[in-house]
């Protein structure tokens, strides 16, 4: 089981939108985080599959809303500075 803090969710949804063109919700983003963590643990030569189980439409007023992000203490600009997924520990 993975812990899924809000900052990781916000970084993940914005990363997937910006780098992969995927407009997903937090559940799908956390599935991707889990896939990245597993891939790093297993190393090269493995295939990992996940399901993108929700779209981003329901999150437009929150995770995709810059004003809401700023109210929660996030700078929307910070989501543009980590193309290598360093935020996934």
N, C-alpha and C. Protein backbone atom coordinates (compact mmCIF):
# COMPACT_ATOMS: atom_id res chain seq x y z
N UNK A 1 0.84 -1.18 0.00
CA UNK A 1 0.00 0.00 0.00
C UNK A 1 0.89 1.24 0.00
N UNK A 2 0.52 2.24 -0.78
CA UNK A 2 1.29 3.47 -0.90
C UNK A 2 0.59 4.61 -0.19
N UNK A 3 1.39 5.47 0.45
CA UNK A 3 0.84 6.72 0.97
C UNK A 3 0.68 7.68 -0.20
N UNK A 4 -0.40 8.42 -0.23
CA UNK A 4 -0.70 9.29 -1.37
C UNK A 4 -0.99 10.71 -0.91
N UNK A 5 0.03 11.47 -0.58
CA UNK A 5 -0.19 12.85 -0.14
C UNK A 5 -0.63 13.76 -1.29
N UNK A 6 -1.29 14.86 -0.92
CA UNK A 6 -1.82 15.79 -1.90
C UNK A 6 -0.74 16.35 -2.82
N UNK A 7 0.44 16.67 -2.28
CA UNK A 7 1.48 17.25 -3.14
C UNK A 7 1.93 16.26 -4.20
N UNK A 8 2.01 14.99 -3.86
CA UNK A 8 2.39 13.98 -4.85
C UNK A 8 1.31 13.85 -5.92
N UNK A 9 0.05 13.91 -5.52
CA UNK A 9 -1.04 13.86 -6.48
C UNK A 9 -1.02 15.04 -7.43
N UNK A 10 -0.82 16.23 -6.90
CA UNK A 10 -0.77 17.43 -7.74
C UNK A 10 0.39 17.38 -8.72
N UNK A 11 1.56 17.02 -8.22
CA UNK A 11 2.72 16.90 -9.12
C UNK A 11 2.45 15.87 -10.21
N UNK A 12 1.86 14.75 -9.82
CA UNK A 12 1.65 13.66 -10.76
C UNK A 12 0.66 14.01 -11.86
N UNK A 13 -0.48 14.61 -11.50
CA UNK A 13 -1.46 14.93 -12.54
C UNK A 13 -0.91 15.96 -13.51
N UNK A 14 -0.16 16.93 -13.00
CA UNK A 14 0.41 17.95 -13.87
C UNK A 14 1.53 17.39 -14.74
N UNK A 15 2.32 16.49 -14.18
CA UNK A 15 3.39 15.86 -14.96
C UNK A 15 2.78 15.05 -16.12
N UNK A 16 1.76 14.26 -15.82
CA UNK A 16 1.15 13.43 -16.85
C UNK A 16 0.50 14.27 -17.94
N UNK A 17 -0.10 15.39 -17.56
CA UNK A 17 -0.71 16.27 -18.56
C UNK A 17 0.36 16.92 -19.44
N UNK A 18 1.38 17.47 -18.80
CA UNK A 18 2.41 18.22 -19.52
C UNK A 18 3.30 17.32 -20.37
N UNK A 19 3.72 16.19 -19.83
CA UNK A 19 4.71 15.35 -20.51
C UNK A 19 4.12 14.23 -21.35
N UNK A 20 2.92 13.78 -21.00
CA UNK A 20 2.34 12.64 -21.70
C UNK A 20 1.00 12.95 -22.36
N UNK A 21 0.48 14.16 -22.13
CA UNK A 21 -0.80 14.54 -22.73
C UNK A 21 -1.97 13.79 -22.13
N UNK A 22 -1.83 13.33 -20.89
CA UNK A 22 -2.89 12.57 -20.23
C UNK A 22 -3.59 13.44 -19.20
N UNK A 23 -4.87 13.69 -19.39
CA UNK A 23 -5.67 14.50 -18.49
C UNK A 23 -6.38 13.56 -17.55
N UNK A 24 -5.73 13.22 -16.44
CA UNK A 24 -6.23 12.19 -15.52
C UNK A 24 -6.54 12.78 -14.16
N UNK A 25 -7.27 12.01 -13.38
CA UNK A 25 -7.56 12.36 -11.99
C UNK A 25 -6.50 11.79 -11.07
N UNK A 26 -6.70 12.04 -9.79
CA UNK A 26 -5.68 11.63 -8.82
C UNK A 26 -5.53 10.11 -8.71
N UNK A 27 -6.61 9.36 -8.84
CA UNK A 27 -6.48 7.90 -8.74
C UNK A 27 -5.61 7.34 -9.85
N UNK A 28 -5.83 7.79 -11.07
CA UNK A 28 -5.00 7.35 -12.19
C UNK A 28 -3.55 7.81 -12.00
N UNK A 29 -3.38 9.04 -11.51
CA UNK A 29 -2.03 9.56 -11.29
C UNK A 29 -1.30 8.72 -10.24
N UNK A 30 -1.99 8.35 -9.16
CA UNK A 30 -1.35 7.52 -8.13
C UNK A 30 -1.04 6.13 -8.66
N UNK A 31 -1.86 5.61 -9.57
CA UNK A 31 -1.53 4.33 -10.21
C UNK A 31 -0.22 4.46 -10.98
N UNK A 32 -0.03 5.58 -11.65
CA UNK A 32 1.22 5.81 -12.39
C UNK A 32 2.40 5.95 -11.45
N UNK A 33 2.20 6.63 -10.33
CA UNK A 33 3.26 6.74 -9.32
C UNK A 33 3.66 5.35 -8.84
N UNK A 34 2.67 4.51 -8.57
CA UNK A 34 2.96 3.14 -8.14
C UNK A 34 3.72 2.37 -9.20
N UNK A 35 3.37 2.58 -10.47
CA UNK A 35 4.06 1.90 -11.57
C UNK A 35 5.50 2.37 -11.67
N UNK A 36 5.73 3.67 -11.48
CA UNK A 36 7.10 4.20 -11.52
C UNK A 36 7.92 3.63 -10.36
N UNK A 37 7.33 3.60 -9.17
CA UNK A 37 8.04 3.05 -8.01
C UNK A 37 8.39 1.58 -8.23
N UNK A 38 7.45 0.82 -8.75
CA UNK A 38 7.70 -0.60 -9.00
C UNK A 38 8.77 -0.78 -10.08
N UNK A 39 8.71 0.02 -11.13
CA UNK A 39 9.71 -0.07 -12.19
C UNK A 39 11.11 0.22 -11.66
N UNK A 40 11.22 1.19 -10.80
CA UNK A 40 12.53 1.51 -10.21
C UNK A 40 13.01 0.37 -9.33
N UNK A 41 12.08 -0.25 -8.62
CA UNK A 41 12.43 -1.37 -7.73
C UNK A 41 12.85 -2.59 -8.52
N UNK A 42 12.13 -2.91 -9.60
CA UNK A 42 12.42 -4.12 -10.38
C UNK A 42 13.60 -3.94 -11.32
N UNK A 43 13.81 -2.72 -11.80
CA UNK A 43 14.91 -2.46 -12.73
C UNK A 43 14.53 -2.77 -14.16
N UNK A 44 15.48 -2.61 -15.06
CA UNK A 44 15.23 -2.82 -16.50
C UNK A 44 14.80 -4.25 -16.83
N UNK A 45 14.08 -4.38 -17.94
CA UNK A 45 13.72 -5.70 -18.45
C UNK A 45 12.37 -6.22 -17.98
N UNK A 46 11.60 -5.40 -17.32
CA UNK A 46 10.28 -5.81 -16.84
C UNK A 46 9.20 -4.97 -17.49
N UNK A 47 8.02 -5.55 -17.60
CA UNK A 47 6.87 -4.83 -18.12
C UNK A 47 5.89 -4.60 -16.98
N UNK A 48 5.46 -3.36 -16.84
CA UNK A 48 4.52 -2.99 -15.78
C UNK A 48 3.29 -2.38 -16.44
N UNK A 49 2.14 -2.81 -16.00
CA UNK A 49 0.88 -2.34 -16.56
C UNK A 49 0.06 -1.71 -15.44
N UNK A 50 -0.59 -0.60 -15.74
CA UNK A 50 -1.51 0.02 -14.78
C UNK A 50 -2.75 0.49 -15.53
N UNK A 51 -3.75 0.87 -14.78
CA UNK A 51 -5.01 1.33 -15.36
C UNK A 51 -5.18 2.81 -15.04
N UNK A 52 -5.51 3.58 -16.06
CA UNK A 52 -5.84 5.00 -15.85
C UNK A 52 -7.34 5.05 -15.61
N UNK A 53 -7.72 4.99 -14.34
CA UNK A 53 -9.10 4.71 -13.96
C UNK A 53 -10.01 5.93 -13.82
N UNK A 54 -9.46 7.13 -13.93
CA UNK A 54 -10.33 8.31 -13.87
C UNK A 54 -9.73 9.44 -14.69
N UNK A 55 -10.62 10.25 -15.22
CA UNK A 55 -10.20 11.40 -16.01
C UNK A 55 -10.08 12.64 -15.13
N UNK A 56 -9.54 13.70 -15.69
CA UNK A 56 -9.31 14.91 -14.93
C UNK A 56 -10.49 15.86 -14.86
N UNK A 57 -11.59 15.55 -15.52
CA UNK A 57 -12.73 16.46 -15.56
C UNK A 57 -13.23 16.84 -14.17
N UNK A 58 -13.31 15.88 -13.29
CA UNK A 58 -13.83 16.15 -11.94
C UNK A 58 -12.86 16.95 -11.08
N UNK A 59 -11.63 17.14 -11.54
CA UNK A 59 -10.60 17.82 -10.75
C UNK A 59 -10.29 19.21 -11.28
N UNK A 60 -11.05 19.69 -12.26
CA UNK A 60 -10.77 20.99 -12.84
C UNK A 60 -10.89 22.12 -11.82
N UNK A 61 -11.76 21.98 -10.84
CA UNK A 61 -11.92 23.04 -9.84
C UNK A 61 -10.91 22.92 -8.71
N UNK A 62 -10.12 21.85 -8.71
CA UNK A 62 -9.14 21.65 -7.64
C UNK A 62 -7.74 21.47 -8.22
N UNK A 63 -7.34 20.27 -8.51
CA UNK A 63 -5.96 20.00 -8.90
C UNK A 63 -5.51 20.72 -10.17
N UNK A 64 -6.45 21.08 -11.02
CA UNK A 64 -6.09 21.79 -12.26
C UNK A 64 -6.43 23.29 -12.17
N UNK A 65 -6.77 23.75 -10.98
CA UNK A 65 -7.14 25.15 -10.77
C UNK A 65 -6.00 25.85 -10.04
N UNK A 66 -5.33 26.80 -10.69
CA UNK A 66 -4.17 27.46 -10.10
C UNK A 66 -4.51 28.20 -8.81
N UNK A 67 -5.68 28.80 -8.73
CA UNK A 67 -6.08 29.51 -7.51
C UNK A 67 -6.22 28.54 -6.35
N UNK A 68 -6.86 27.41 -6.57
CA UNK A 68 -7.02 26.40 -5.53
C UNK A 68 -5.66 25.88 -5.08
N UNK A 69 -4.77 25.63 -6.04
CA UNK A 69 -3.43 25.15 -5.71
C UNK A 69 -2.69 26.15 -4.83
N UNK A 70 -2.78 27.42 -5.18
CA UNK A 70 -2.12 28.46 -4.38
C UNK A 70 -2.71 28.54 -2.98
N UNK A 71 -4.02 28.36 -2.85
CA UNK A 71 -4.67 28.36 -1.53
C UNK A 71 -4.17 27.20 -0.67
N UNK A 72 -3.80 26.10 -1.31
CA UNK A 72 -3.27 24.94 -0.59
C UNK A 72 -1.77 25.02 -0.36
N UNK A 73 -1.15 26.11 -0.81
CA UNK A 73 0.27 26.32 -0.58
C UNK A 73 1.18 25.81 -1.68
N UNK A 74 0.60 25.51 -2.83
CA UNK A 74 1.40 25.03 -3.97
C UNK A 74 1.59 26.16 -4.97
N UNK A 75 2.75 26.21 -5.54
CA UNK A 75 3.00 27.14 -6.63
C UNK A 75 2.83 26.35 -7.92
N UNK A 76 1.87 26.70 -8.76
CA UNK A 76 1.69 25.96 -10.02
C UNK A 76 2.97 25.89 -10.84
N UNK A 77 3.85 26.87 -10.72
CA UNK A 77 5.10 26.85 -11.46
C UNK A 77 6.00 25.70 -11.03
N UNK A 78 5.85 25.24 -9.78
CA UNK A 78 6.73 24.17 -9.30
C UNK A 78 6.46 22.86 -10.02
N UNK A 79 5.30 22.73 -10.68
CA UNK A 79 4.97 21.50 -11.38
C UNK A 79 5.68 21.40 -12.73
N UNK A 80 6.37 22.46 -13.13
CA UNK A 80 7.05 22.47 -14.42
C UNK A 80 8.54 22.19 -14.31
N UNK A 81 9.02 21.86 -13.13
CA UNK A 81 10.47 21.81 -12.94
C UNK A 81 11.03 20.41 -12.69
N UNK A 82 10.28 19.36 -12.95
CA UNK A 82 10.78 18.01 -12.62
C UNK A 82 10.44 16.99 -13.70
N UNK A 83 11.05 17.10 -14.88
CA UNK A 83 10.71 16.18 -15.96
C UNK A 83 11.19 14.74 -15.72
N UNK A 84 12.05 14.52 -14.73
CA UNK A 84 12.59 13.19 -14.49
C UNK A 84 11.90 12.46 -13.35
N UNK A 85 10.78 12.99 -12.88
CA UNK A 85 9.98 12.35 -11.82
C UNK A 85 10.74 12.21 -10.50
N UNK A 86 11.57 13.16 -10.18
CA UNK A 86 12.30 13.11 -8.90
C UNK A 86 11.34 13.21 -7.72
N UNK A 87 10.14 13.75 -7.94
CA UNK A 87 9.16 13.85 -6.85
C UNK A 87 8.60 12.49 -6.46
N UNK A 88 8.81 11.47 -7.28
CA UNK A 88 8.37 10.11 -6.95
C UNK A 88 9.54 9.43 -6.23
N UNK A 89 9.39 9.27 -4.93
CA UNK A 89 10.48 8.70 -4.13
C UNK A 89 10.30 7.22 -3.91
